[in-house]
Amino acid sequence: MVDRDEFMKILNAQRKKFTHKDVARFFKGWNKTMQYCFTDLDEYYVIELVDGIPKPIVQEKLENPDIMYTMSTETFLALNKGEISGFKAYQQGKLIVKATMPEIMKLQKLDKLQID
């Protein structure tokens, strides 16, 4: 069972990465909706970026988000703790991503940032 407080803390830290001084300039002008689907919870969370600035996380299911991540909370936590790479999780079928290649390349800039 996942610790809900830890899970939400890491999801919020993921959202805050967009404002980090080392990557914020790469997302300026980006208007995207990113939806996270957590299969073990059957819950959906959305982070909307407006001009690269993230709005607060909303728990909802969108019909057609720009970017969609589908995974378990266990995989999400492992990814954010550096216990598994996104590529390895994808190869093992633990992570499904719906996004264009340019979007994926841009989002990789967030991977190297440490969570506060």
N, C-alpha and C. Protein backbone atom coordinates (compact mmCIF):
# COMPACT_ATOMS: atom_id res chain seq x y z
N MET A 1 0.85 -1.20 0.00
CA MET A 1 0.00 0.00 0.00
C MET A 1 0.89 1.25 0.00
N VAL A 2 0.54 2.19 -0.83
CA VAL A 2 1.32 3.42 -0.95
C VAL A 2 0.95 4.40 0.16
N ASP A 3 1.95 5.12 0.63
CA ASP A 3 1.75 6.17 1.62
C ASP A 3 1.21 7.40 0.88
N ARG A 4 -0.04 7.75 1.10
CA ARG A 4 -0.72 8.83 0.37
C ARG A 4 0.01 10.17 0.54
N ASP A 5 0.49 10.46 1.74
CA ASP A 5 1.20 11.73 1.97
C ASP A 5 2.48 11.80 1.15
N GLU A 6 3.24 10.69 1.13
CA GLU A 6 4.48 10.65 0.37
C GLU A 6 4.19 10.79 -1.12
N PHE A 7 3.18 10.08 -1.58
CA PHE A 7 2.78 10.12 -2.99
C PHE A 7 2.42 11.55 -3.41
N MET A 8 1.59 12.23 -2.64
CA MET A 8 1.17 13.59 -2.99
C MET A 8 2.33 14.57 -2.88
N LYS A 9 3.21 14.35 -1.92
CA LYS A 9 4.39 15.21 -1.78
C LYS A 9 5.25 15.12 -3.04
N ILE A 10 5.46 13.91 -3.54
CA ILE A 10 6.29 13.73 -4.74
C ILE A 10 5.56 14.25 -5.98
N LEU A 11 4.27 14.06 -6.07
CA LEU A 11 3.52 14.60 -7.21
C LEU A 11 3.60 16.13 -7.22
N ASN A 12 3.50 16.75 -6.07
CA ASN A 12 3.63 18.21 -5.98
C ASN A 12 5.05 18.66 -6.31
N ALA A 13 6.05 17.89 -5.88
CA ALA A 13 7.44 18.21 -6.20
C ALA A 13 7.66 18.12 -7.71
N GLN A 14 7.03 17.14 -8.34
CA GLN A 14 7.12 17.00 -9.80
C GLN A 14 6.54 18.25 -10.47
N ARG A 15 5.44 18.74 -9.99
CA ARG A 15 4.81 19.95 -10.51
C ARG A 15 5.74 21.16 -10.35
N LYS A 16 6.38 21.26 -9.20
CA LYS A 16 7.24 22.41 -8.90
C LYS A 16 8.50 22.44 -9.76
N LYS A 17 8.90 21.30 -10.29
CA LYS A 17 10.11 21.24 -11.11
C LYS A 17 10.02 22.19 -12.31
N PHE A 18 8.82 22.43 -12.81
CA PHE A 18 8.67 23.30 -13.97
C PHE A 18 9.10 24.73 -13.69
N THR A 19 9.12 25.12 -12.43
CA THR A 19 9.50 26.49 -12.08
C THR A 19 10.96 26.59 -11.66
N HIS A 20 11.68 25.49 -11.65
CA HIS A 20 13.09 25.48 -11.24
C HIS A 20 13.91 26.35 -12.20
N LYS A 21 14.83 27.11 -11.65
CA LYS A 21 15.61 28.07 -12.45
C LYS A 21 16.39 27.42 -13.59
N ASP A 22 16.77 26.16 -13.44
CA ASP A 22 17.56 25.49 -14.47
C ASP A 22 16.74 25.01 -15.67
N VAL A 23 15.42 24.94 -15.54
CA VAL A 23 14.61 24.43 -16.65
C VAL A 23 13.44 25.32 -17.05
N ALA A 24 13.07 26.28 -16.23
CA ALA A 24 11.87 27.08 -16.50
C ALA A 24 11.90 27.72 -17.89
N ARG A 25 13.05 28.16 -18.33
CA ARG A 25 13.14 28.83 -19.66
C ARG A 25 12.77 27.88 -20.80
N PHE A 26 13.02 26.58 -20.63
CA PHE A 26 12.69 25.60 -21.68
C PHE A 26 11.18 25.42 -21.84
N PHE A 27 10.43 25.74 -20.79
CA PHE A 27 8.98 25.52 -20.83
C PHE A 27 8.18 26.80 -21.07
N LYS A 28 8.89 27.94 -21.16
CA LYS A 28 8.19 29.20 -21.43
C LYS A 28 7.43 29.06 -22.76
N GLY A 29 6.18 29.46 -22.76
CA GLY A 29 5.33 29.36 -23.94
C GLY A 29 4.65 28.02 -24.10
N TRP A 30 4.92 27.10 -23.19
CA TRP A 30 4.33 25.76 -23.26
C TRP A 30 2.96 25.77 -22.62
N ASN A 31 1.95 25.39 -23.36
CA ASN A 31 0.58 25.28 -22.86
C ASN A 31 0.14 23.83 -23.07
N LYS A 32 0.23 23.06 -22.01
CA LYS A 32 -0.04 21.62 -22.10
C LYS A 32 -0.83 21.15 -20.88
N THR A 33 -1.61 20.10 -21.08
CA THR A 33 -2.24 19.41 -19.95
C THR A 33 -1.58 18.04 -19.85
N MET A 34 -1.10 17.73 -18.67
CA MET A 34 -0.46 16.45 -18.41
C MET A 34 -1.32 15.69 -17.41
N GLN A 35 -1.70 14.51 -17.79
CA GLN A 35 -2.53 13.69 -16.91
C GLN A 35 -1.76 12.46 -16.47
N TYR A 36 -1.84 12.20 -15.17
CA TYR A 36 -1.25 11.00 -14.58
C TYR A 36 -2.38 10.06 -14.21
N CYS A 37 -2.32 8.84 -14.72
CA CYS A 37 -3.29 7.81 -14.37
C CYS A 37 -2.56 6.79 -13.51
N PHE A 38 -3.02 6.63 -12.27
CA PHE A 38 -2.42 5.66 -11.36
C PHE A 38 -3.33 4.45 -11.29
N THR A 39 -2.86 3.38 -11.92
CA THR A 39 -3.69 2.20 -12.13
C THR A 39 -4.10 1.49 -10.84
N ASP A 40 -3.23 1.50 -9.85
CA ASP A 40 -3.56 0.81 -8.60
C ASP A 40 -4.59 1.57 -7.76
N LEU A 41 -4.66 2.87 -7.95
CA LEU A 41 -5.63 3.69 -7.22
C LEU A 41 -6.88 3.97 -8.05
N ASP A 42 -6.78 3.76 -9.36
CA ASP A 42 -7.82 4.16 -10.31
C ASP A 42 -8.15 5.64 -10.12
N GLU A 43 -7.07 6.44 -10.06
CA GLU A 43 -7.20 7.89 -9.88
C GLU A 43 -6.41 8.60 -10.96
N TYR A 44 -6.89 9.79 -11.31
CA TYR A 44 -6.28 10.61 -12.34
C TYR A 44 -5.97 11.98 -11.74
N TYR A 45 -4.77 12.49 -12.07
CA TYR A 45 -4.37 13.81 -11.61
C TYR A 45 -3.87 14.59 -12.81
N VAL A 46 -4.18 15.88 -12.84
CA VAL A 46 -3.83 16.73 -13.97
C VAL A 46 -2.97 17.89 -13.49
N ILE A 47 -1.90 18.12 -14.26
CA ILE A 47 -1.09 19.32 -14.10
C ILE A 47 -1.22 20.08 -15.42
N GLU A 48 -1.74 21.28 -15.33
CA GLU A 48 -1.88 22.12 -16.52
C GLU A 48 -0.80 23.18 -16.51
N LEU A 49 -0.12 23.32 -17.64
CA LEU A 49 0.90 24.35 -17.79
C LEU A 49 0.35 25.45 -18.67
N VAL A 50 0.46 26.69 -18.20
CA VAL A 50 0.06 27.85 -18.98
C VAL A 50 1.29 28.73 -19.09
N ASP A 51 1.79 28.89 -20.31
CA ASP A 51 3.03 29.61 -20.57
C ASP A 51 4.17 29.02 -19.72
N GLY A 52 4.14 27.70 -19.55
CA GLY A 52 5.20 27.01 -18.82
C GLY A 52 5.05 27.01 -17.31
N ILE A 53 4.04 27.68 -16.81
CA ILE A 53 3.84 27.77 -15.36
C ILE A 53 2.74 26.78 -14.96
N PRO A 54 3.06 25.90 -14.00
CA PRO A 54 2.08 24.89 -13.62
C PRO A 54 0.99 25.45 -12.71
N LYS A 55 -0.23 25.09 -13.03
CA LYS A 55 -1.36 25.40 -12.14
C LYS A 55 -1.41 24.34 -11.05
N PRO A 56 -2.20 24.53 -10.01
CA PRO A 56 -2.32 23.51 -8.96
C PRO A 56 -2.82 22.18 -9.53
N ILE A 57 -2.41 21.11 -8.89
CA ILE A 57 -2.82 19.77 -9.30
C ILE A 57 -4.31 19.60 -9.05
N VAL A 58 -4.98 19.02 -10.03
CA VAL A 58 -6.42 18.76 -9.93
C VAL A 58 -6.64 17.27 -10.11
N GLN A 59 -7.48 16.70 -9.26
CA GLN A 59 -7.82 15.29 -9.41
C GLN A 59 -9.03 15.21 -10.32
N GLU A 60 -8.77 14.78 -11.57
CA GLU A 60 -9.85 14.62 -12.55
C GLU A 60 -9.35 13.80 -13.72
N LYS A 61 -10.28 13.28 -14.48
CA LYS A 61 -9.96 12.51 -15.68
C LYS A 61 -10.35 13.34 -16.89
N LEU A 62 -9.38 13.59 -17.77
CA LEU A 62 -9.63 14.33 -18.99
C LEU A 62 -9.83 13.35 -20.15
N GLU A 63 -10.59 13.76 -21.12
CA GLU A 63 -10.83 12.91 -22.29
C GLU A 63 -9.62 12.86 -23.22
N ASN A 64 -8.95 13.98 -23.39
CA ASN A 64 -7.86 14.02 -24.36
C ASN A 64 -6.74 14.96 -23.88
N PRO A 65 -5.99 14.55 -22.86
CA PRO A 65 -4.89 15.41 -22.40
C PRO A 65 -3.78 15.44 -23.46
N ASP A 66 -2.96 16.48 -23.41
CA ASP A 66 -1.84 16.57 -24.35
C ASP A 66 -0.82 15.47 -24.08
N ILE A 67 -0.57 15.20 -22.80
CA ILE A 67 0.42 14.21 -22.38
C ILE A 67 -0.25 13.33 -21.35
N MET A 68 -0.04 12.01 -21.48
CA MET A 68 -0.68 11.06 -20.57
C MET A 68 0.35 10.06 -20.07
N TYR A 69 0.44 9.95 -18.75
CA TYR A 69 1.28 8.95 -18.11
C TYR A 69 0.36 7.94 -17.43
N THR A 70 0.60 6.66 -17.65
CA THR A 70 -0.16 5.61 -16.98
C THR A 70 0.84 4.69 -16.29
N MET A 71 0.65 4.49 -14.98
CA MET A 71 1.56 3.66 -14.19
C MET A 71 0.95 3.43 -12.82
N SER A 72 1.56 2.55 -12.05
CA SER A 72 1.16 2.37 -10.66
C SER A 72 1.84 3.44 -9.81
N THR A 73 1.34 3.64 -8.61
CA THR A 73 2.00 4.58 -7.70
C THR A 73 3.38 4.06 -7.31
N GLU A 74 3.52 2.74 -7.23
CA GLU A 74 4.83 2.15 -6.90
C GLU A 74 5.87 2.53 -7.96
N THR A 75 5.49 2.45 -9.23
CA THR A 75 6.39 2.83 -10.31
C THR A 75 6.68 4.32 -10.25
N PHE A 76 5.65 5.14 -10.02
CA PHE A 76 5.84 6.59 -9.92
C PHE A 76 6.84 6.94 -8.82
N LEU A 77 6.69 6.33 -7.66
CA LEU A 77 7.62 6.61 -6.56
C LEU A 77 9.03 6.14 -6.91
N ALA A 78 9.16 4.96 -7.51
CA ALA A 78 10.47 4.43 -7.89
C ALA A 78 11.15 5.34 -8.92
N LEU A 79 10.39 5.84 -9.88
CA LEU A 79 10.94 6.76 -10.87
C LEU A 79 11.47 8.03 -10.22
N ASN A 80 10.70 8.57 -9.32
CA ASN A 80 11.07 9.84 -8.69
C ASN A 80 12.15 9.71 -7.63
N LYS A 81 12.37 8.51 -7.15
CA LYS A 81 13.47 8.26 -6.21
C LYS A 81 14.74 7.79 -6.93
N GLY A 82 14.66 7.66 -8.26
CA GLY A 82 15.80 7.22 -9.03
C GLY A 82 16.08 5.73 -8.94
N GLU A 83 15.11 4.96 -8.49
CA GLU A 83 15.28 3.51 -8.35
C GLU A 83 15.11 2.78 -9.68
N ILE A 84 14.48 3.43 -10.64
CA ILE A 84 14.29 2.87 -11.98
C ILE A 84 14.27 4.05 -12.96
N SER A 85 14.81 3.83 -14.14
CA SER A 85 14.78 4.89 -15.15
C SER A 85 13.45 4.84 -15.89
N GLY A 86 13.07 5.96 -16.45
CA GLY A 86 11.85 6.01 -17.24
C GLY A 86 11.92 5.06 -18.42
N PHE A 87 13.10 4.97 -19.05
CA PHE A 87 13.25 4.08 -20.20
C PHE A 87 13.06 2.62 -19.79
N LYS A 88 13.66 2.24 -18.66
CA LYS A 88 13.54 0.86 -18.20
C LYS A 88 12.09 0.55 -17.81
N ALA A 89 11.43 1.48 -17.11
CA ALA A 89 10.03 1.28 -16.73
C ALA A 89 9.16 1.14 -17.98
N TYR A 90 9.45 1.93 -19.00
CA TYR A 90 8.72 1.85 -20.27
C TYR A 90 8.95 0.50 -20.93
N GLN A 91 10.21 0.07 -21.00
CA GLN A 91 10.54 -1.21 -21.62
C GLN A 91 9.86 -2.38 -20.91
N GLN A 92 9.76 -2.30 -19.60
CA GLN A 92 9.16 -3.37 -18.81
C GLN A 92 7.63 -3.30 -18.78
N GLY A 93 7.05 -2.31 -19.43
CA GLY A 93 5.60 -2.16 -19.47
C GLY A 93 5.01 -1.59 -18.19
N LYS A 94 5.87 -1.03 -17.34
CA LYS A 94 5.40 -0.43 -16.09
C LYS A 94 4.95 1.02 -16.28
N LEU A 95 5.33 1.61 -17.41
CA LEU A 95 5.02 3.00 -17.71
C LEU A 95 4.54 3.09 -19.15
N ILE A 96 3.39 3.72 -19.33
CA ILE A 96 2.86 4.00 -20.67
C ILE A 96 2.80 5.52 -20.81
N VAL A 97 3.35 6.02 -21.89
CA VAL A 97 3.37 7.47 -22.12
C VAL A 97 2.74 7.77 -23.47
N LYS A 98 1.79 8.71 -23.46
CA LYS A 98 1.20 9.22 -24.70
C LYS A 98 1.66 10.66 -24.83
N ALA A 99 2.60 10.88 -25.75
CA ALA A 99 3.14 12.21 -25.99
C ALA A 99 3.92 12.18 -27.30
N THR A 100 4.16 13.34 -27.86
CA THR A 100 4.99 13.40 -29.05
C THR A 100 6.46 13.29 -28.63
N MET A 101 7.31 12.92 -29.56
CA MET A 101 8.74 12.82 -29.26
C MET A 101 9.32 14.16 -28.80
N PRO A 102 8.99 15.29 -29.42
CA PRO A 102 9.50 16.57 -28.91
C PRO A 102 9.05 16.85 -27.47
N GLU A 103 7.82 16.47 -27.13
CA GLU A 103 7.34 16.66 -25.75
C GLU A 103 8.14 15.79 -24.78
N ILE A 104 8.38 14.55 -25.17
CA ILE A 104 9.15 13.64 -24.32
C ILE A 104 10.56 14.17 -24.12
N MET A 105 11.18 14.65 -25.17
CA MET A 105 12.54 15.18 -25.08
C MET A 105 12.59 16.39 -24.14
N LYS A 106 11.59 17.24 -24.24
CA LYS A 106 11.55 18.43 -23.37
C LYS A 106 11.34 18.02 -21.92
N LEU A 107 10.45 17.07 -21.68
CA LEU A 107 10.15 16.63 -20.31
C LEU A 107 11.34 15.94 -19.65
N GLN A 108 12.25 15.39 -20.45
CA GLN A 108 13.43 14.75 -19.88
C GLN A 108 14.32 15.73 -19.12
N LYS A 109 14.19 17.00 -19.40
CA LYS A 109 14.96 18.02 -18.67
C LYS A 109 14.60 18.02 -17.18
N LEU A 110 13.40 17.55 -16.85
CA LEU A 110 12.96 17.51 -15.46
C LEU A 110 13.57 16.33 -14.69
N ASP A 111 13.96 15.28 -15.41
CA ASP A 111 14.41 14.05 -14.78
C ASP A 111 15.64 14.22 -13.90
N LYS A 112 16.53 15.13 -14.27
CA LYS A 112 17.79 15.27 -13.53
C LYS A 112 17.65 16.15 -12.28
N LEU A 113 16.53 16.83 -12.15
CA LEU A 113 16.34 17.71 -10.99
C LEU A 113 16.04 16.89 -9.74
N GLN A 114 16.62 17.30 -8.64
CA GLN A 114 16.36 16.67 -7.36
C GLN A 114 15.06 17.19 -6.77
N ILE A 115 14.32 16.30 -6.12
CA ILE A 115 13.08 16.68 -5.46
C ILE A 115 13.41 17.27 -4.11
N ASP A 116 12.83 18.44 -3.84
CA ASP A 116 13.07 19.10 -2.54
C ASP A 116 12.35 18.39 -1.42
